[in-house]
C-alpha atoms as a PDB file:
ATOM      1  CA  MET A   1    -102.171  43.639  78.545  1.00  0.00           C
ATOM      2  CA  ARG A   2    -100.315  40.415  79.532  1.00  0.00           C
ATOM      3  CA  SER A   3     -97.828  40.717  82.487  1.00  0.00           C
ATOM      4  CA  ASP A   4     -94.876  39.764  80.249  1.00  0.00           C
ATOM      5  CA  GLY A   5     -95.815  42.498  77.829  1.00  0.00           C
ATOM      6  CA  ILE A   6     -95.953  44.948  80.789  1.00  0.00           C
ATOM      7  CA  ARG A   7     -92.534  43.856  81.760  1.00  0.00           C
ATOM      8  CA  ALA A   8     -91.100  44.212  78.374  1.00  0.00           C
ATOM      9  CA  LEU A   9     -92.567  47.733  77.951  1.00  0.00           C
ATOM     10  CA  SER A  10     -91.194  48.824  81.319  1.00  0.00           C
ATOM     11  CA  LEU A  11     -87.779  47.464  80.430  1.00  0.00           C
ATOM     12  CA  ALA A  12     -87.744  49.315  77.150  1.00  0.00           C
ATOM     13  CA  THR A  13     -88.931  52.500  78.821  1.00  0.00           C
ATOM     14  CA  ALA A  14     -86.195  52.233  81.371  1.00  0.00           C
ATOM     15  CA  ILE A  15     -83.623  51.851  78.534  1.00  0.00           C
ATOM     16  CA  VAL A  16     -84.784  55.036  76.907  1.00  0.00           C
ATOM     17  CA  VAL A  17     -84.793  57.052  80.036  1.00  0.00           C
ATOM     18  CA  ALA A  18     -81.296  55.966  80.828  1.00  0.00           C
ATOM     19  CA  ALA A  19     -80.076  56.915  77.415  1.00  0.00           C
ATOM     20  CA  LEU A  20     -81.727  60.187  77.628  1.00  0.00           C
ATOM     21  CA  SER A  21     -80.401  60.960  81.120  1.00  0.00           C
ATOM     22  CA  ALA A  22     -76.866  59.700  80.396  1.00  0.00           C
ATOM     23  CA  PRO A  23     -74.277  62.497  80.106  1.00  0.00           C
ATOM     24  CA  ALA A  24     -73.323  63.647  76.669  1.00  0.00           C
ATOM     25  CA  ALA A  25     -70.158  62.236  75.238  1.00  0.00           C
ATOM     26  CA  LYS A  26     -67.463  64.749  75.405  1.00  0.00           C
ATOM     27  CA  ALA A  27     -66.380  66.253  72.045  1.00  0.00           C
ATOM     28  CA  GLN A  28     -63.043  64.931  70.738  1.00  0.00           C
ATOM     29  CA  THR A  29     -60.060  67.093  71.896  1.00  0.00           C
ATOM     30  CA  PRO A  30     -58.820  69.075  69.027  1.00  0.00           C
ATOM     31  CA  ASP A  31     -55.302  67.975  67.707  1.00  0.00           C
ATOM     32  CA  PRO A  32     -52.815  70.392  69.276  1.00  0.00           C
ATOM     33  CA  ALA A  33     -50.810  70.444  66.058  1.00  0.00           C
ATOM     34  CA  VAL A  34     -53.975  71.499  64.190  1.00  0.00           C
ATOM     35  CA  GLN A  35     -54.632  74.089  66.710  1.00  0.00           C
ATOM     36  CA  GLN A  36     -51.285  75.731  66.151  1.00  0.00           C
ATOM     37  CA  VAL A  37     -51.936  76.165  62.474  1.00  0.00           C
ATOM     38  CA  GLN A  38     -55.321  77.554  63.154  1.00  0.00           C
ATOM     39  CA  THR A  39     -53.816  80.076  65.590  1.00  0.00           C
ATOM     40  CA  PHE A  40     -51.426  81.263  62.966  1.00  0.00           C
ATOM     41  CA  TYR A  41     -54.189  81.463  60.378  1.00  0.00           C
ATOM     42  CA  ASP A  42     -56.487  83.360  62.625  1.00  0.00           C
ATOM     43  CA  ALA A  43     -53.934  85.987  63.248  1.00  0.00           C
ATOM     44  CA  LEU A  44     -53.001  86.162  59.559  1.00  0.00           C
ATOM     45  CA  LEU A  45     -56.662  86.490  58.518  1.00  0.00           C
ATOM     46  CA  ASP A  46     -57.263  89.261  60.994  1.00  0.00           C
ATOM     47  CA  SER A  47     -54.185  91.143  59.792  1.00  0.00           C
ATOM     48  CA  MET A  48     -55.505  90.808  56.235  1.00  0.00           C
ATOM     49  CA  LYS A  49     -58.932  92.168  57.197  1.00  0.00           C
ATOM     50  CA  HIS A  50     -57.362  95.227  58.908  1.00  0.00           C
ATOM     51  CA  ALA A  51     -54.446  95.696  56.399  1.00  0.00           C
ATOM     52  CA  LYS A  52     -55.104  99.270  55.290  1.00  0.00           C
ATOM     53  CA  GLU A  53     -55.468 100.613  58.779  1.00  0.00           C
ATOM     54  CA  LEU A  54     -52.472  98.793  60.128  1.00  0.00           C
ATOM     55  CA  GLY A  55     -50.173  99.360  57.201  1.00  0.00           C
ATOM     56  CA  LEU A  56     -47.141  97.253  56.550  1.00  0.00           C
ATOM     57  CA  LYS A  57     -45.448  97.999  59.825  1.00  0.00           C
ATOM     58  CA  GLY A  58     -48.600  97.367  61.783  1.00  0.00           C
ATOM     59  CA  ARG A  59     -49.128  94.070  60.065  1.00  0.00           C
ATOM     60  CA  TYR A  60     -45.470  93.049  60.902  1.00  0.00           C
ATOM     61  CA  ASP A  61     -45.856  93.980  64.573  1.00  0.00           C
ATOM     62  CA  LYS A  62     -49.193  92.229  64.839  1.00  0.00           C
ATOM     63  CA  LEU A  63     -47.951  88.928  63.024  1.00  0.00           C
ATOM     64  CA  ASN A  64     -44.531  88.860  64.822  1.00  0.00           C
ATOM     65  CA  PRO A  65     -45.528  87.353  68.163  1.00  0.00           C
ATOM     66  CA  VAL A  66     -47.949  84.928  66.759  1.00  0.00           C
ATOM     67  CA  ILE A  67     -45.453  83.722  64.304  1.00  0.00           C
ATOM     68  CA  GLU A  68     -42.756  83.312  66.932  1.00  0.00           C
ATOM     69  CA  GLN A  69     -45.269  81.375  68.989  1.00  0.00           C
ATOM     70  CA  THR A  70     -46.290  78.948  66.168  1.00  0.00           C
ATOM     71  CA  PHE A  71     -43.056  78.515  64.072  1.00  0.00           C
ATOM     72  CA  ASP A  72     -39.870  76.513  65.068  1.00  0.00           C
ATOM     73  CA  PHE A  73     -37.360  78.957  63.885  1.00  0.00           C
ATOM     74  CA  PRO A  74     -34.402  77.476  65.475  1.00  0.00           C
ATOM     75  CA  ASP A  75     -34.812  74.096  63.540  1.00  0.00           C
ATOM     76  CA  MET A  76     -36.217  75.904  60.425  1.00  0.00           C
ATOM     77  CA  VAL A  77     -33.048  78.014  59.877  1.00  0.00           C
ATOM     78  CA  LYS A  78     -30.792  75.007  60.580  1.00  0.00           C
ATOM     79  CA  LEU A  79     -32.552  73.055  57.912  1.00  0.00           C
ATOM     80  CA  ALA A  80     -32.548  76.094  55.543  1.00  0.00           C
ATOM     81  CA  VAL A  81     -28.983  76.615  55.816  1.00  0.00           C
ATOM     82  CA  GLY A  82     -28.077  72.956  55.494  1.00  0.00           C
ATOM     83  CA  PRO A  83     -24.800  71.310  56.265  1.00  0.00           C
ATOM     84  CA  GLY A  84     -22.991  74.559  56.473  1.00  0.00           C
ATOM     85  CA  TRP A  85     -24.809  75.198  59.778  1.00  0.00           C
ATOM     86  CA  ALA A  86     -22.475  72.729  61.641  1.00  0.00           C
ATOM     87  CA  THR A  87     -19.306  74.948  60.896  1.00  0.00           C
ATOM     88  CA  THR A  88     -20.867  78.282  61.847  1.00  0.00           C
ATOM     89  CA  SER A  89     -20.070  79.966  65.233  1.00  0.00           C
ATOM     90  CA  PRO A  90     -22.752  80.419  67.899  1.00  0.00           C
ATOM     91  CA  ALA A  91     -22.751  84.307  67.069  1.00  0.00           C
ATOM     92  CA  GLU A  92     -23.178  83.571  63.356  1.00  0.00           C
ATOM     93  CA  GLN A  93     -25.971  81.142  64.038  1.00  0.00           C
ATOM     94  CA  GLN A  94     -27.844  83.711  66.150  1.00  0.00           C
ATOM     95  CA  ALA A  95     -27.490  86.368  63.316  1.00  0.00           C
ATOM     96  CA  LEU A  96     -28.814  83.864  60.846  1.00  0.00           C
ATOM     97  CA  LEU A  97     -31.762  82.995  63.187  1.00  0.00           C
ATOM     98  CA  THR A  98     -32.601  86.668  63.701  1.00  0.00           C
ATOM     99  CA  ALA A  99     -32.465  87.392  59.974  1.00  0.00           C
ATOM    100  CA  PHE A 100     -34.312  84.397  59.079  1.00  0.00           C
ATOM    101  CA  GLU A 101     -37.249  85.136  61.489  1.00  0.00           C
ATOM    102  CA  ARG A 102     -37.407  88.723  60.450  1.00  0.00           C
ATOM    103  CA  MET A 103     -37.667  87.645  56.793  1.00  0.00           C
ATOM    104  CA  THR A 104     -40.410  85.123  57.492  1.00  0.00           C
ATOM    105  CA  VAL A 105     -42.583  87.740  59.324  1.00  0.00           C
ATOM    106  CA  ALA A 106     -41.905  90.327  56.632  1.00  0.00           C
ATOM    107  CA  ASN A 107     -42.907  87.827  53.840  1.00  0.00           C
ATOM    108  CA  TYR A 108     -46.369  87.466  55.483  1.00  0.00           C
ATOM    109  CA  ALA A 109     -46.824  91.119  56.355  1.00  0.00           C
ATOM    110  CA  SER A 110     -46.071  92.126  52.794  1.00  0.00           C
ATOM    111  CA  ASN A 111     -47.689  89.566  50.594  1.00  0.00           C
ATOM    112  CA  PHE A 112     -50.997  89.137  52.684  1.00  0.00           C
ATOM    113  CA  ASN A 113     -51.767  92.787  52.310  1.00  0.00           C
ATOM    114  CA  GLY A 114     -55.515  92.873  51.771  1.00  0.00           C
ATOM    115  CA  TYR A 115     -58.788  91.030  52.181  1.00  0.00           C
ATOM    116  CA  ASP A 116     -61.279  90.001  49.541  1.00  0.00           C
ATOM    117  CA  GLY A 117     -63.293  87.325  51.168  1.00  0.00           C
ATOM    118  CA  GLU A 118     -60.559  84.824  51.468  1.00  0.00           C
ATOM    119  CA  LYS A 119     -60.713  81.977  54.074  1.00  0.00           C
ATOM    120  CA  PHE A 120     -58.391  79.254  55.544  1.00  0.00           C
ATOM    121  CA  VAL A 121     -59.643  75.835  55.904  1.00  0.00           C
ATOM    122  CA  VAL A 122     -57.684  73.493  58.109  1.00  0.00           C
ATOM    123  CA  ALA A 123     -58.118  69.648  58.205  1.00  0.00           C
ATOM    124  CA  PRO A 124     -59.097  68.451  61.704  1.00  0.00           C
ATOM    125  CA  THR A 125     -56.722  65.570  61.611  1.00  0.00           C
ATOM    126  CA  THR A 126     -52.923  65.048  61.012  1.00  0.00           C
ATOM    127  CA  THR A 127     -50.851  62.618  59.049  1.00  0.00           C
ATOM    128  CA  PRO A 128     -47.779  61.089  60.943  1.00  0.00           C
ATOM    129  CA  ARG A 129     -44.436  61.832  59.396  1.00  0.00           C
ATOM    130  CA  GLY A 130     -41.907  59.828  61.628  1.00  0.00           C
ATOM    131  CA  THR A 131     -42.181  61.688  64.887  1.00  0.00           C
ATOM    132  CA  ASP A 132     -43.586  64.803  63.137  1.00  0.00           C
ATOM    133  CA  ARG A 133     -47.109  65.528  61.969  1.00  0.00           C
ATOM    134  CA  VAL A 134     -48.427  67.130  58.815  1.00  0.00           C
ATOM    135  CA  VAL A 135     -51.452  69.309  58.798  1.00  0.00           C
ATOM    136  CA  GLN A 136     -53.231  70.048  55.634  1.00  0.00           C
ATOM    137  CA  SER A 137     -55.041  73.201  54.795  1.00  0.00           C
ATOM    138  CA  LYS A 138     -56.414  75.257  52.017  1.00  0.00           C
ATOM    139  CA  LEU A 139     -56.494  78.977  51.165  1.00  0.00           C
ATOM    140  CA  ILE A 140     -59.847  79.609  49.463  1.00  0.00           C
ATOM    141  CA  ALA A 141     -60.093  82.815  47.380  1.00  0.00           C
ATOM    142  CA  LYS A 142     -62.668  83.825  44.857  1.00  0.00           C
ATOM    143  CA  ASP A 143     -60.676  82.569  41.723  1.00  0.00           C
ATOM    144  CA  GLN A 144     -58.552  79.784  43.212  1.00  0.00           C
ATOM    145  CA  THR A 145     -57.959  77.363  46.014  1.00  0.00           C
ATOM    146  CA  VAL A 146     -54.426  76.881  47.082  1.00  0.00           C
ATOM    147  CA  PRO A 147     -53.333  73.770  49.296  1.00  0.00           C
ATOM    148  CA  PHE A 148     -50.758  74.352  51.994  1.00  0.00           C
ATOM    149  CA  GLY A 149     -49.255  71.596  54.090  1.00  0.00           C
ATOM    150  CA  TYR A 150     -47.557  72.251  57.387  1.00  0.00           C
ATOM    151  CA  ARG A 151     -45.016  69.893  58.840  1.00  0.00           C
ATOM    152  CA  MET A 152     -45.184  70.001  62.616  1.00  0.00           C
ATOM    153  CA  ARG A 153     -42.566  69.170  65.150  1.00  0.00           C
ATOM    154  CA  GLN A 154     -42.705  69.211  69.064  1.00  0.00           C
ATOM    155  CA  SER A 155     -40.527  72.016  70.429  1.00  0.00           C
ATOM    156  CA  GLY A 156     -40.423  72.582  74.081  1.00  0.00           C
ATOM    157  CA  GLY A 157     -43.504  70.369  74.627  1.00  0.00           C
ATOM    158  CA  THR A 158     -45.457  72.427  71.976  1.00  0.00           C
ATOM    159  CA  TRP A 159     -46.159  71.472  68.305  1.00  0.00           C
ATOM    160  CA  LYS A 160     -44.685  74.283  65.944  1.00  0.00           C
ATOM    161  CA  ILE A 161     -44.467  74.737  62.210  1.00  0.00           C
ATOM    162  CA  LEU A 162     -41.195  73.236  60.852  1.00  0.00           C
ATOM    163  CA  ASP A 163     -41.857  73.409  57.108  1.00  0.00           C
ATOM    164  CA  ILE A 164     -44.454  74.601  54.696  1.00  0.00           C
ATOM    165  CA  TYR A 165     -45.428  72.714  51.539  1.00  0.00           C
ATOM    166  CA  LEU A 166     -46.374  75.171  48.995  1.00  0.00           C
ATOM    167  CA  ASN A 167     -49.245  73.897  46.729  1.00  0.00           C
ATOM    168  CA  GLY A 168     -49.216  70.888  49.156  1.00  0.00           C
ATOM    169  CA  TYR A 169     -45.903  69.340  48.150  1.00  0.00           C
ATOM    170  CA  VAL A 170     -43.139  71.882  47.491  1.00  0.00           C
ATOM    171  CA  SER A 171     -41.001  72.086  50.595  1.00  0.00           C
ATOM    172  CA  GLN A 172     -40.383  75.746  51.365  1.00  0.00           C
ATOM    173  CA  LEU A 173     -37.136  74.823  53.411  1.00  0.00           C
ATOM    174  CA  ALA A 174     -35.755  72.764  50.556  1.00  0.00           C
ATOM    175  CA  THR A 175     -36.295  75.822  48.129  1.00  0.00           C
ATOM    176  CA  GLN A 176     -34.559  78.150  50.563  1.00  0.00           C
ATOM    177  CA  ARG A 177     -31.763  75.662  51.167  1.00  0.00           C
ATOM    178  CA  SER A 178     -31.108  75.546  47.380  1.00  0.00           C
ATOM    179  CA  ASP A 179     -31.133  79.303  47.351  1.00  0.00           C
ATOM    180  CA  PHE A 180     -29.006  79.911  50.314  1.00  0.00           C
ATOM    181  CA  GLY A 181     -26.376  77.301  49.479  1.00  0.00           C
ATOM    182  CA  ALA A 182     -24.538  79.253  46.949  1.00  0.00           C
ATOM    183  CA  THR A 183     -24.357  82.441  48.853  1.00  0.00           C
ATOM    184  CA  LEU A 184     -23.066  80.525  51.913  1.00  0.00           C
ATOM    185  CA  ALA A 185     -20.365  78.756  49.900  1.00  0.00           C
ATOM    186  CA  ALA A 186     -19.186  81.922  48.326  1.00  0.00           C
ATOM    187  CA  GLY A 187     -19.260  84.350  51.185  1.00  0.00           C
ATOM    188  CA  GLY A 188     -19.983  82.500  54.488  1.00  0.00           C
ATOM    189  CA  PRO A 189     -22.476  83.081  57.047  1.00  0.00           C
ATOM    190  CA  SER A 190     -21.913  86.903  57.079  1.00  0.00           C
ATOM    191  CA  ALA A 191     -22.924  87.140  53.373  1.00  0.00           C
ATOM    192  CA  LEU A 192     -26.022  84.949  53.840  1.00  0.00           C
ATOM    193  CA  VAL A 193     -26.958  87.183  56.659  1.00  0.00           C
ATOM    194  CA  LYS A 194     -26.525  90.190  54.369  1.00  0.00           C
ATOM    195  CA  LYS A 195     -28.540  88.561  51.688  1.00  0.00           C
ATOM    196  CA  ILE A 196     -31.403  87.630  53.979  1.00  0.00           C
ATOM    197  CA  ASN A 197     -31.539  91.185  55.402  1.00  0.00           C
ATOM    198  CA  ALA A 198     -31.514  92.784  52.042  1.00  0.00           C
ATOM    199  CA  LEU A 199     -34.483  90.638  50.949  1.00  0.00           C
ATOM    200  CA  THR A 200     -36.346  91.549  54.125  1.00  0.00           C
ATOM    201  CA  ASP A 201     -35.654  95.243  53.654  1.00  0.00           C
ATOM    202  CA  LYS A 202     -36.947  95.143  50.241  1.00  0.00           C
ATOM    203  CA  LEU A 203     -40.173  93.464  51.493  1.00  0.00           C
ATOM    204  CA  LEU A 204     -40.495  96.144  54.137  1.00  0.00           C
ATOM    205  CA  GLY A 205     -39.822  98.926  51.633  1.00  0.00           C
ATOM    206  CA  GLY A 206     -36.466  99.922  53.213  1.00  0.00           C
END
């Protein structure tokens, strides 16, 4: 073999060896907003799988800390109440926040009350929405696939769920604001707290 051929072969071998010995590229760091939605879904799915043994109260107690961790309740209730929030006292705001959070947890505990092979699929990337991000996901059941979008906002340095887009586009907060507005206008914050608590009691069988 000619010397220039030997040199070329040696060079090619060195390149292959270097490539094989190079450290593997690090996997892309998951988007923290996506991780929050996944954390919520993991807890919800586990609650569904153990729905019967947990019972309604058990599902509520299991989901409560995870939902507190992943949802931005202070901003959620402010947007759900709407302009009337600015005229409520701190004590009224706290009562509304407590009632709203309890209702949210009760909704999931009551409505996701069993498991029949469902799975949640979360898109790995987010879509910017101003300073917020939107995480797209799907609930896949045997007979249907339902899209859910989650608007995420940073709160205390952590991405949290601010709004949920039902069927991918219907804002849950906008729906609640429309529903809450008439009660707030007619009876003030105390009437709205009473209404929210009554809805929650019904969900929890109280």
